[in-house]
Amino acid sequence: MISIGEAAIKSGVHQQTLRRWEKIGKITCHKTPGGHRRYDLDQILSYKNKSKEADMKITIGYARVSTSNKKDDLERQIQVVELFCASKGWRCKTISDIGSGLNYNKTGLSELIRLIETQQVERLVLNYKDRLLRFGSEIIFEICKYHNVEIIVINETEHKTYDQELVEDVLAIITVFSAKLYGSRSHKNKKIIDDTKKLFSKAGDIIDDIEVE
C-alpha cells in the first residue's frame, strides 16, 4: 500500500485521475490509523490496463547525442524519427537525451522505461541501435518484448566493422572514466581523449592483428 504521490509516479497516472477513479468506485483507498490514504498499485495498474486510456498507446521516438555541442546532430535524429513515424501514420512522442551511452541515469531514458512499464507504448523507433545505450540496450529490448512493444531501428543496416565498433566502445569508456576522474572540462581530461584518438588513428592496421577473447 502506497501514497497517492508514489502511486501516481509508479503507475504514470496523474493524482487527479486517481482521485476521480476512486470517486467513481473504480479503485479503492485505505486509510492508515493516522488518516493517510493508501492505494494498491496492482489495482490501479489493473484498471488502467482495462481503461480506454491504456488502449491509446503511442509510438515513442528516441534520440540521443553524447555532448551538448552535438545538438545539430540531435535535431537531425529527431527529424528523421519524426518523419519516419509520420510516413507510417503513427502518433509519435519524441524523447531525447544529451549524455553518454554508458550513462543509465538520463531523464529521457527514465521516462521511456516508465512509459513502457505502464503499458503506454506500442512501439519504439530508433535512428540507430546505439542511440539508446552503448552497452545494455538488450536489457531495454527485453523489457519491450515483455510488454509487447515493437522495436524499429531505422538504420539497422548501417555497416560497421567489428574493429570500428570496438574502437568506439573503448573510446567511450575512456571518455567517461577520464571525465569522472578529472572533470569533463579539465585540460587533463581533454588531453587524454585527444591522445587516445591519436593512438587509435595511428594504430590502423595493428588493430586487425589484435585477438579479443
Protein backbone atom coordinates (compact mmCIF):
# COMPACT_ATOMS: atom_id res chain seq x y z
CA MET A 1 0.00 0.00 0.00
CA ILE A 2 1.49 3.32 -1.10
CA SER A 3 0.67 7.03 -1.00
CA ILE A 4 -1.16 8.72 -3.85
CA GLY A 5 2.01 10.57 -4.89
CA GLU A 6 4.03 7.36 -5.12
CA ALA A 7 1.12 5.63 -6.87
CA ALA A 8 0.99 8.40 -9.47
CA ILE A 9 4.71 8.12 -10.19
CA LYS A 10 4.80 4.33 -10.39
CA SER A 11 1.62 3.98 -12.45
CA GLY A 12 2.13 7.00 -14.69
CA VAL A 13 -1.37 8.21 -13.79
CA HIS A 14 -1.96 11.77 -12.60
CA GLN A 15 -3.10 12.19 -8.99
CA GLN A 16 -6.32 13.93 -10.09
CA THR A 17 -7.12 10.93 -12.30
CA LEU A 18 -6.55 8.57 -9.38
CA ARG A 19 -8.93 10.64 -7.22
CA ARG A 20 -11.54 10.57 -9.99
CA TRP A 21 -11.21 6.79 -10.34
CA GLU A 22 -11.65 6.46 -6.59
CA LYS A 23 -14.70 8.74 -6.61
CA ILE A 24 -16.47 6.67 -9.27
CA GLY A 25 -15.60 3.42 -7.49
CA LYS A 26 -13.06 2.03 -9.95
CA ILE A 27 -10.32 1.85 -7.33
CA THR A 28 -10.41 1.90 -3.55
CA CYS A 29 -8.19 3.53 -0.97
CA HIS A 30 -7.41 2.52 2.60
CA LYS A 31 -6.77 4.90 5.46
CA THR A 32 -3.99 4.43 7.98
CA PRO A 33 -4.66 4.96 11.71
CA GLY A 34 -3.25 8.44 11.19
CA GLY A 35 -5.79 9.18 8.47
CA HIS A 36 -3.43 8.97 5.48
CA ARG A 37 -4.79 7.47 2.25
CA ARG A 38 -3.04 4.43 0.80
CA TYR A 39 -3.54 2.79 -2.58
CA ASP A 40 -2.97 -0.67 -4.04
CA LEU A 41 -0.65 -0.23 -7.04
CA ASP A 42 -1.69 -3.56 -8.59
CA GLN A 43 -5.33 -2.49 -8.51
CA ILE A 44 -4.51 0.82 -10.17
CA LEU A 45 -2.47 -0.83 -12.92
CA SER A 46 -5.16 -3.46 -13.47
CA TYR A 47 -7.87 -0.85 -14.03
CA LYS A 48 -5.57 1.31 -16.12
CA ASN A 49 -4.90 -1.60 -18.47
CA LYS A 50 -8.63 -2.14 -18.89
CA SER A 51 -9.49 1.50 -19.42
CA LYS A 52 -9.67 3.33 -22.70
CA GLU A 53 -6.68 5.41 -21.72
CA ALA A 54 -4.49 2.30 -21.82
CA ASP A 55 -5.75 1.48 -25.31
CA MET A 56 -4.45 4.78 -26.67
CA LYS A 57 -0.85 3.61 -26.88
CA ILE A 58 1.70 5.76 -28.70
CA THR A 59 4.88 5.39 -30.67
CA ILE A 60 8.00 6.66 -28.92
CA GLY A 61 10.87 8.03 -30.99
CA TYR A 62 14.11 8.17 -29.03
CA ALA A 63 17.21 10.20 -29.96
CA ARG A 64 20.47 10.83 -28.13
CA VAL A 65 23.81 12.58 -28.51
CA SER A 66 26.74 12.35 -26.11
CA THR A 67 27.50 16.06 -25.62
CA SER A 68 25.73 19.41 -25.87
CA ASN A 69 27.95 20.54 -28.77
CA LYS A 70 26.24 17.89 -30.92
CA LYS A 71 22.78 19.43 -30.71
CA ASP A 72 22.64 19.78 -34.51
CA ASP A 73 23.04 16.01 -34.78
CA LEU A 74 20.32 15.56 -32.17
CA GLU A 75 17.94 17.71 -34.20
CA ARG A 76 18.70 15.65 -37.32
CA GLN A 77 18.00 12.42 -35.44
CA ILE A 78 14.69 13.80 -34.18
CA GLN A 79 13.68 14.93 -37.69
CA VAL A 80 14.48 11.51 -39.18
CA VAL A 81 12.50 9.68 -36.50
CA GLU A 82 9.50 12.04 -36.67
CA LEU A 83 9.36 11.96 -40.49
CA PHE A 84 9.58 8.16 -40.45
CA CYS A 85 6.70 7.93 -37.95
CA ALA A 86 4.64 10.48 -39.86
CA SER A 87 5.08 8.48 -43.08
CA LYS A 88 3.59 5.46 -41.28
CA GLY A 89 0.71 7.47 -39.82
CA TRP A 90 1.79 6.78 -36.23
CA ARG A 91 1.00 9.09 -33.33
CA CYS A 92 4.50 9.82 -32.07
CA LYS A 93 6.07 11.30 -28.95
CA THR A 94 9.78 12.12 -29.21
CA ILE A 95 12.09 11.66 -26.23
CA SER A 96 15.68 12.89 -26.39
CA ASP A 97 18.76 12.85 -24.18
CA ILE A 98 22.15 14.53 -24.10
CA GLY A 99 24.60 12.23 -22.35
CA SER A 100 26.93 9.30 -22.67
CA GLY A 101 25.64 5.98 -23.94
CA LEU A 102 27.27 4.48 -20.83
CA ASN A 103 25.14 6.62 -18.51
CA TYR A 104 21.93 4.87 -17.47
CA ASN A 105 20.73 7.76 -15.32
CA LYS A 106 19.29 10.00 -18.04
CA THR A 107 15.97 11.82 -17.80
CA GLY A 108 14.72 10.75 -21.22
CA LEU A 109 15.73 7.11 -20.77
CA SER A 110 13.98 7.01 -17.37
CA GLU A 111 10.82 8.45 -18.92
CA LEU A 112 10.98 5.90 -21.73
CA ILE A 113 11.24 2.99 -19.27
CA ARG A 114 8.37 4.39 -17.18
CA LEU A 115 6.10 4.68 -20.23
CA ILE A 116 6.94 1.14 -21.31
CA GLU A 117 6.38 -0.27 -17.82
CA THR A 118 3.00 1.46 -17.56
CA GLN A 119 1.78 -0.04 -20.84
CA GLN A 120 1.62 3.26 -22.74
CA VAL A 121 3.94 2.38 -25.64
CA GLU A 122 3.03 0.47 -28.79
CA ARG A 123 6.42 0.73 -30.49
CA LEU A 124 9.88 2.24 -30.02
CA VAL A 125 11.61 3.86 -33.00
CA LEU A 126 15.37 4.50 -33.02
CA ASN A 127 17.62 6.01 -35.66
CA TYR A 128 20.49 3.69 -34.67
CA LYS A 129 20.62 0.95 -32.03
CA ASP A 130 23.48 2.56 -30.09
CA ARG A 131 21.49 5.79 -29.65
CA LEU A 132 19.64 4.02 -26.88
CA LEU A 133 22.69 2.80 -24.92
CA ARG A 134 26.27 1.98 -25.82
CA PHE A 135 26.06 -1.18 -23.72
CA GLY A 136 22.91 -2.75 -22.30
CA SER A 137 20.38 -1.86 -24.99
CA GLU A 138 19.41 -5.55 -25.00
CA ILE A 139 18.02 -5.07 -21.49
CA ILE A 140 15.64 -2.37 -22.72
CA PHE A 141 14.73 -4.53 -25.70
CA GLU A 142 13.84 -7.40 -23.34
CA ILE A 143 11.62 -5.03 -21.34
CA CYS A 144 9.95 -4.02 -24.60
CA LYS A 145 9.45 -7.67 -25.54
CA TYR A 146 7.84 -8.41 -22.17
CA HIS A 147 5.38 -5.54 -22.65
CA ASN A 148 4.72 -6.33 -26.34
CA VAL A 149 6.42 -3.15 -27.55
CA GLU A 150 7.61 -3.33 -31.16
CA ILE A 151 11.17 -2.13 -31.78
CA ILE A 152 12.11 -0.44 -35.04
CA VAL A 153 15.68 0.61 -35.84
CA ILE A 154 15.53 2.79 -38.96
CA ASN A 155 19.20 2.44 -39.93
CA GLU A 156 19.71 -1.07 -38.67
CA THR A 157 21.69 -1.94 -41.79
CA GLU A 158 24.39 0.65 -41.08
CA HIS A 159 27.66 -1.11 -41.83
CA LYS A 160 30.35 -1.01 -39.17
CA THR A 161 33.19 -3.42 -38.89
CA TYR A 162 33.89 -5.18 -35.60
CA ASP A 163 37.07 -3.10 -35.27
CA GLN A 164 35.16 0.15 -35.69
CA GLU A 165 32.66 -0.83 -33.01
CA LEU A 166 35.47 -1.96 -30.70
CA VAL A 167 37.33 1.34 -31.08
CA GLU A 168 34.13 3.36 -30.46
CA ASP A 169 33.30 1.35 -27.34
CA VAL A 170 36.80 1.61 -25.88
CA LEU A 171 36.94 5.33 -26.59
CA ALA A 172 33.54 5.83 -24.96
CA ILE A 173 34.69 4.02 -21.80
CA ILE A 174 37.92 6.05 -21.59
CA THR A 175 35.97 9.29 -22.09
CA VAL A 176 33.54 8.54 -19.27
CA PHE A 177 36.11 7.41 -16.71
CA SER A 178 38.51 10.22 -17.56
CA ALA A 179 35.74 12.78 -17.11
CA LYS A 180 34.86 11.28 -13.72
CA LEU A 181 38.50 11.44 -12.58
CA TYR A 182 39.45 14.88 -13.84
CA GLY A 183 36.21 16.62 -14.79
CA SER A 184 34.73 16.81 -18.28
CA ARG A 185 36.08 20.34 -18.87
CA SER A 186 39.57 19.87 -17.46
CA HIS A 187 42.69 20.24 -19.59
CA LYS A 188 43.98 16.85 -18.45
CA ASN A 189 40.75 15.13 -19.50
CA LYS A 190 40.84 16.73 -22.95
CA LYS A 191 44.48 15.72 -23.39
CA ILE A 192 43.70 12.09 -22.51
CA ILE A 193 40.85 11.97 -25.03
CA ASP A 194 42.94 13.63 -27.76
CA ASP A 195 45.87 11.29 -27.13
CA THR A 196 43.58 8.27 -27.20
CA LYS A 197 42.07 9.34 -30.54
CA LYS A 198 45.56 9.83 -31.98
CA LEU A 199 46.59 6.41 -30.71
CA PHE A 200 43.68 4.74 -32.46
CA SER A 201 44.29 6.66 -35.67
CA LYS A 202 47.97 5.64 -35.67
CA ALA A 203 47.18 2.04 -34.75
CA GLY A 204 45.39 1.48 -38.05
CA ASP A 205 46.30 -1.94 -39.32
CA ILE A 206 47.62 -3.02 -35.92
CA ILE A 207 44.03 -3.35 -34.67
CA ASP A 208 43.42 -6.01 -37.31
CA ASP A 209 46.01 -8.23 -35.63
CA ILE A 210 44.51 -7.95 -32.12
CA GLU A 211 42.68 -11.03 -30.87
CA VAL A 212 39.92 -10.47 -28.34
CA GLU A 213 38.81 -13.42 -26.21
